[in-house]
Amino acid sequence: VEPPSTSSSSPETSSSTRIDSVKARLFALAASTTRGESASPSEKAAALRLVAELEKLNTEVEPAGAGACGTWELAFASTQPFRSSPFFMAARAVCRDGAESERFA
């Protein structure tokens, strides 16, 4: 007869631990690449894989709902951070085609 398991790991705790692990890897990648600014193509691909993994682990019905309101800090960008400004987003929106919008990418 084996003694009862003393593990208090529930599926919810396990999922939370997994999310924390993926976030830690993403933050470490962001820190080592100046928030993505100096990231190589393979590091950018790794960041996208980590984000996709976090999306799969998400349990929120509306992840961008009311709980998303607040102050956010950019951790990783796949483009130069200043290119994400409203000016560049508006400039891309009025472009006639993809080639023209590349000037603002």
N, C-alpha and C. Protein backbone atom coordinates (compact mmCIF):
# COMPACT_ATOMS: atom_id res chain seq x y z
N VAL A 1 0.85 -1.18 0.00
CA VAL A 1 0.00 0.00 0.00
C VAL A 1 0.89 1.24 0.00
N GLU A 2 0.62 2.13 -0.93
CA GLU A 2 1.40 3.36 -1.00
C GLU A 2 0.71 4.46 -0.22
N PRO A 3 1.50 5.36 0.39
CA PRO A 3 0.89 6.45 1.13
C PRO A 3 0.17 7.41 0.18
N PRO A 4 -0.83 8.11 0.69
CA PRO A 4 -1.55 9.05 -0.16
C PRO A 4 -0.62 10.15 -0.65
N SER A 5 -0.91 10.65 -1.81
CA SER A 5 -0.09 11.71 -2.40
C SER A 5 -0.22 12.98 -1.57
N THR A 6 0.91 13.63 -1.35
CA THR A 6 0.90 14.88 -0.60
C THR A 6 0.96 16.08 -1.54
N SER A 7 0.88 15.82 -2.82
CA SER A 7 0.92 16.91 -3.80
C SER A 7 -0.37 17.70 -3.74
N SER A 8 -0.23 19.01 -3.65
CA SER A 8 -1.42 19.87 -3.60
C SER A 8 -1.59 20.58 -4.93
N SER A 9 -1.02 20.03 -5.97
CA SER A 9 -1.07 20.65 -7.28
C SER A 9 -2.40 20.34 -7.94
N SER A 10 -3.20 21.37 -8.15
CA SER A 10 -4.46 21.22 -8.85
C SER A 10 -4.25 21.62 -10.30
N PRO A 11 -5.19 21.26 -11.18
CA PRO A 11 -5.03 21.67 -12.58
C PRO A 11 -4.92 23.19 -12.72
N GLU A 12 -5.64 23.93 -11.89
CA GLU A 12 -5.59 25.40 -11.94
C GLU A 12 -4.21 25.90 -11.54
N THR A 13 -3.61 25.31 -10.50
CA THR A 13 -2.27 25.70 -10.06
C THR A 13 -1.26 25.35 -11.13
N SER A 14 -1.42 24.18 -11.74
CA SER A 14 -0.52 23.75 -12.79
C SER A 14 -0.57 24.71 -13.98
N SER A 15 -1.77 25.12 -14.37
CA SER A 15 -1.93 26.05 -15.48
C SER A 15 -1.33 27.41 -15.14
N SER A 16 -1.55 27.85 -13.92
CA SER A 16 -0.99 29.13 -13.47
C SER A 16 0.53 29.08 -13.47
N THR A 17 1.09 27.97 -13.04
CA THR A 17 2.54 27.80 -13.03
C THR A 17 3.07 27.82 -14.46
N ARG A 18 2.37 27.17 -15.38
CA ARG A 18 2.77 27.13 -16.79
C ARG A 18 2.73 28.54 -17.38
N ILE A 19 1.68 29.29 -17.09
CA ILE A 19 1.55 30.67 -17.59
C ILE A 19 2.71 31.51 -17.05
N ASP A 20 2.99 31.39 -15.76
CA ASP A 20 4.10 32.15 -15.16
C ASP A 20 5.43 31.80 -15.82
N SER A 21 5.61 30.52 -16.14
CA SER A 21 6.85 30.08 -16.79
C SER A 21 6.99 30.69 -18.18
N VAL A 22 5.90 30.68 -18.96
CA VAL A 22 5.95 31.24 -20.32
C VAL A 22 6.18 32.75 -20.26
N LYS A 23 5.50 33.41 -19.33
CA LYS A 23 5.69 34.86 -19.17
C LYS A 23 7.15 35.17 -18.81
N ALA A 24 7.71 34.39 -17.90
CA ALA A 24 9.10 34.62 -17.49
C ALA A 24 10.04 34.47 -18.67
N ARG A 25 9.80 33.46 -19.53
CA ARG A 25 10.65 33.28 -20.71
C ARG A 25 10.49 34.45 -21.68
N LEU A 26 9.26 34.94 -21.85
CA LEU A 26 9.02 36.08 -22.74
C LEU A 26 9.69 37.34 -22.19
N PHE A 27 9.57 37.58 -20.89
CA PHE A 27 10.20 38.75 -20.28
C PHE A 27 11.73 38.66 -20.35
N ALA A 28 12.27 37.46 -20.18
CA ALA A 28 13.73 37.28 -20.28
C ALA A 28 14.19 37.56 -21.71
N LEU A 29 13.43 37.11 -22.69
CA LEU A 29 13.76 37.38 -24.08
C LEU A 29 13.67 38.87 -24.37
N ALA A 30 12.64 39.51 -23.85
CA ALA A 30 12.49 40.96 -24.03
C ALA A 30 13.66 41.72 -23.40
N ALA A 31 14.06 41.31 -22.21
CA ALA A 31 15.16 41.99 -21.52
C ALA A 31 16.48 41.81 -22.25
N SER A 32 16.69 40.64 -22.82
CA SER A 32 17.97 40.38 -23.48
C SER A 32 18.05 40.97 -24.89
N THR A 33 16.94 41.48 -25.40
CA THR A 33 16.92 42.04 -26.76
C THR A 33 16.46 43.50 -26.78
N THR A 34 16.60 44.19 -25.65
CA THR A 34 16.16 45.58 -25.53
C THR A 34 14.71 45.71 -26.00
N ARG A 35 13.85 44.92 -25.37
CA ARG A 35 12.42 44.90 -25.67
C ARG A 35 12.11 44.55 -27.12
N GLY A 36 13.01 43.78 -27.72
CA GLY A 36 12.82 43.33 -29.08
C GLY A 36 13.53 44.17 -30.12
N GLU A 37 14.02 45.33 -29.73
CA GLU A 37 14.65 46.24 -30.68
C GLU A 37 15.87 45.61 -31.35
N SER A 38 16.65 44.83 -30.61
CA SER A 38 17.85 44.21 -31.18
C SER A 38 17.65 42.72 -31.44
N ALA A 39 16.40 42.27 -31.46
CA ALA A 39 16.11 40.85 -31.63
C ALA A 39 16.42 40.39 -33.05
N SER A 40 17.01 39.21 -33.14
CA SER A 40 17.25 38.58 -34.43
C SER A 40 15.93 38.01 -34.94
N PRO A 41 15.86 37.64 -36.21
CA PRO A 41 14.64 37.02 -36.71
C PRO A 41 14.23 35.78 -35.91
N SER A 42 15.19 34.98 -35.47
CA SER A 42 14.84 33.78 -34.70
C SER A 42 14.31 34.16 -33.30
N GLU A 43 14.85 35.23 -32.72
CA GLU A 43 14.35 35.68 -31.41
C GLU A 43 12.94 36.26 -31.54
N LYS A 44 12.68 36.97 -32.64
CA LYS A 44 11.32 37.48 -32.87
C LYS A 44 10.34 36.32 -33.05
N ALA A 45 10.77 35.29 -33.77
CA ALA A 45 9.92 34.11 -33.96
C ALA A 45 9.67 33.41 -32.63
N ALA A 46 10.69 33.34 -31.78
CA ALA A 46 10.52 32.72 -30.46
C ALA A 46 9.53 33.52 -29.62
N ALA A 47 9.59 34.84 -29.70
CA ALA A 47 8.65 35.68 -28.96
C ALA A 47 7.22 35.43 -29.44
N LEU A 48 7.04 35.33 -30.75
CA LEU A 48 5.70 35.07 -31.29
C LEU A 48 5.18 33.70 -30.84
N ARG A 49 6.07 32.71 -30.77
CA ARG A 49 5.66 31.38 -30.28
C ARG A 49 5.23 31.45 -28.81
N LEU A 50 5.96 32.22 -28.01
CA LEU A 50 5.61 32.35 -26.59
C LEU A 50 4.26 33.07 -26.43
N VAL A 51 4.03 34.09 -27.22
CA VAL A 51 2.75 34.80 -27.17
C VAL A 51 1.62 33.87 -27.58
N ALA A 52 1.82 33.08 -28.64
CA ALA A 52 0.81 32.12 -29.07
C ALA A 52 0.52 31.10 -27.98
N GLU A 53 1.57 30.69 -27.28
CA GLU A 53 1.39 29.73 -26.18
C GLU A 53 0.57 30.35 -25.05
N LEU A 54 0.84 31.62 -24.75
CA LEU A 54 0.04 32.31 -23.72
C LEU A 54 -1.42 32.43 -24.16
N GLU A 55 -1.64 32.70 -25.43
CA GLU A 55 -3.00 32.80 -25.93
C GLU A 55 -3.74 31.47 -25.75
N LYS A 56 -3.06 30.35 -26.01
CA LYS A 56 -3.68 29.03 -25.84
C LYS A 56 -4.01 28.75 -24.37
N LEU A 57 -3.17 29.25 -23.47
CA LEU A 57 -3.37 29.01 -22.04
C LEU A 57 -4.42 29.94 -21.42
N ASN A 58 -4.86 30.94 -22.16
CA ASN A 58 -5.81 31.91 -21.66
C ASN A 58 -7.16 31.25 -21.34
N THR A 59 -7.73 31.60 -20.21
CA THR A 59 -9.03 31.06 -19.83
C THR A 59 -10.10 32.14 -19.77
N GLU A 60 -9.72 33.38 -20.04
CA GLU A 60 -10.68 34.48 -20.01
C GLU A 60 -11.61 34.41 -21.21
N VAL A 61 -12.91 34.63 -20.98
CA VAL A 61 -13.87 34.64 -22.07
C VAL A 61 -13.64 35.87 -22.95
N GLU A 62 -13.42 37.02 -22.33
CA GLU A 62 -13.14 38.26 -23.04
C GLU A 62 -11.82 38.84 -22.53
N PRO A 63 -10.69 38.37 -23.05
CA PRO A 63 -9.39 38.82 -22.53
C PRO A 63 -9.14 40.31 -22.71
N ALA A 64 -9.77 40.93 -23.69
CA ALA A 64 -9.57 42.37 -23.90
C ALA A 64 -10.76 43.16 -23.36
N GLY A 65 -11.50 42.56 -22.45
CA GLY A 65 -12.67 43.22 -21.87
C GLY A 65 -12.28 44.24 -20.82
N ALA A 66 -13.18 44.48 -19.90
CA ALA A 66 -13.00 45.51 -18.87
C ALA A 66 -11.75 45.26 -18.02
N GLY A 67 -11.35 44.02 -17.86
CA GLY A 67 -10.17 43.71 -17.05
C GLY A 67 -8.87 44.17 -17.69
N ALA A 68 -8.91 44.53 -18.97
CA ALA A 68 -7.71 44.97 -19.66
C ALA A 68 -7.47 46.47 -19.51
N CYS A 69 -8.39 47.17 -18.89
CA CYS A 69 -8.24 48.62 -18.69
C CYS A 69 -7.16 48.87 -17.65
N GLY A 70 -6.37 49.90 -17.89
CA GLY A 70 -5.33 50.24 -16.94
C GLY A 70 -4.09 50.75 -17.63
N THR A 71 -3.00 50.77 -16.91
CA THR A 71 -1.73 51.23 -17.45
C THR A 71 -0.93 50.02 -17.89
N TRP A 72 -0.46 50.05 -19.13
CA TRP A 72 0.30 48.96 -19.69
C TRP A 72 1.72 49.42 -19.97
N GLU A 73 2.64 48.48 -19.95
CA GLU A 73 4.03 48.78 -20.28
C GLU A 73 4.45 47.84 -21.40
N LEU A 74 5.05 48.40 -22.45
CA LEU A 74 5.50 47.59 -23.58
C LEU A 74 6.67 46.73 -23.12
N ALA A 75 6.53 45.42 -23.30
CA ALA A 75 7.60 44.50 -22.91
C ALA A 75 8.41 44.04 -24.11
N PHE A 76 7.76 43.86 -25.26
CA PHE A 76 8.44 43.36 -26.45
C PHE A 76 7.71 43.89 -27.67
N ALA A 77 8.46 44.35 -28.64
CA ALA A 77 7.87 44.81 -29.90
C ALA A 77 8.61 44.18 -31.06
N SER A 78 7.87 43.76 -32.06
CA SER A 78 8.50 43.17 -33.23
C SER A 78 8.87 44.24 -34.26
N THR A 79 8.57 45.47 -33.95
CA THR A 79 8.94 46.60 -34.78
C THR A 79 9.57 47.65 -33.88
N GLN A 80 10.19 48.65 -34.45
CA GLN A 80 10.77 49.69 -33.61
C GLN A 80 9.64 50.36 -32.82
N PRO A 81 9.79 50.50 -31.51
CA PRO A 81 8.70 51.01 -30.68
C PRO A 81 8.10 52.34 -31.17
N PHE A 82 8.92 53.25 -31.68
CA PHE A 82 8.36 54.52 -32.11
C PHE A 82 7.48 54.34 -33.35
N ARG A 83 7.64 53.23 -34.07
CA ARG A 83 6.81 52.97 -35.25
C ARG A 83 5.40 52.53 -34.85
N SER A 84 5.17 52.30 -33.57
CA SER A 84 3.85 51.91 -33.09
C SER A 84 3.03 53.11 -32.64
N SER A 85 3.53 54.30 -32.85
CA SER A 85 2.83 55.50 -32.40
C SER A 85 1.58 55.74 -33.23
N PRO A 86 0.63 56.50 -32.72
CA PRO A 86 -0.59 56.81 -33.48
C PRO A 86 -0.28 57.47 -34.83
N PHE A 87 0.78 58.26 -34.91
CA PHE A 87 1.14 58.91 -36.17
C PHE A 87 1.39 57.85 -37.25
N PHE A 88 2.24 56.86 -36.95
CA PHE A 88 2.57 55.84 -37.94
C PHE A 88 1.38 54.94 -38.23
N MET A 89 0.54 54.64 -37.23
CA MET A 89 -0.64 53.82 -37.48
C MET A 89 -1.60 54.55 -38.41
N ALA A 90 -1.78 55.85 -38.21
CA ALA A 90 -2.66 56.63 -39.08
C ALA A 90 -2.08 56.73 -40.49
N ALA A 91 -0.78 56.91 -40.60
CA ALA A 91 -0.14 56.99 -41.91
C ALA A 91 -0.32 55.69 -42.68
N ARG A 92 -0.18 54.53 -42.01
CA ARG A 92 -0.38 53.25 -42.69
C ARG A 92 -1.84 53.07 -43.11
N ALA A 93 -2.75 53.59 -42.30
CA ALA A 93 -4.18 53.40 -42.58
C ALA A 93 -4.62 54.11 -43.86
N VAL A 94 -3.97 55.18 -44.24
CA VAL A 94 -4.40 55.92 -45.44
C VAL A 94 -3.63 55.50 -46.69
N CYS A 95 -2.73 54.57 -46.57
CA CYS A 95 -1.96 54.10 -47.73
C CYS A 95 -2.86 53.29 -48.66
N ARG A 96 -2.58 53.41 -49.94
CA ARG A 96 -3.39 52.72 -50.94
C ARG A 96 -3.07 51.24 -51.06
N ASP A 97 -1.84 50.86 -50.80
CA ASP A 97 -1.47 49.45 -50.96
C ASP A 97 -0.35 49.09 -49.98
N GLY A 98 -0.02 47.80 -49.96
CA GLY A 98 0.98 47.30 -49.03
C GLY A 98 2.36 47.89 -49.27
N ALA A 99 2.72 48.09 -50.55
CA ALA A 99 4.03 48.65 -50.85
C ALA A 99 4.15 50.05 -50.31
N GLU A 100 3.11 50.83 -50.45
CA GLU A 100 3.12 52.20 -49.94
C GLU A 100 3.18 52.23 -48.42
N SER A 101 2.47 51.32 -47.77
CA SER A 101 2.46 51.30 -46.31
C SER A 101 3.78 50.82 -45.73
N GLU A 102 4.58 50.09 -46.53
CA GLU A 102 5.90 49.63 -46.05
C GLU A 102 6.81 50.77 -45.66
N ARG A 103 6.58 51.95 -46.22
CA ARG A 103 7.41 53.11 -45.86
C ARG A 103 7.22 53.49 -44.40
N PHE A 104 6.11 53.06 -43.81
CA PHE A 104 5.80 53.40 -42.42
C PHE A 104 5.95 52.20 -41.50
N ALA A 105 6.49 51.12 -41.99
CA ALA A 105 6.64 49.91 -41.19
C ALA A 105 7.91 49.95 -40.36
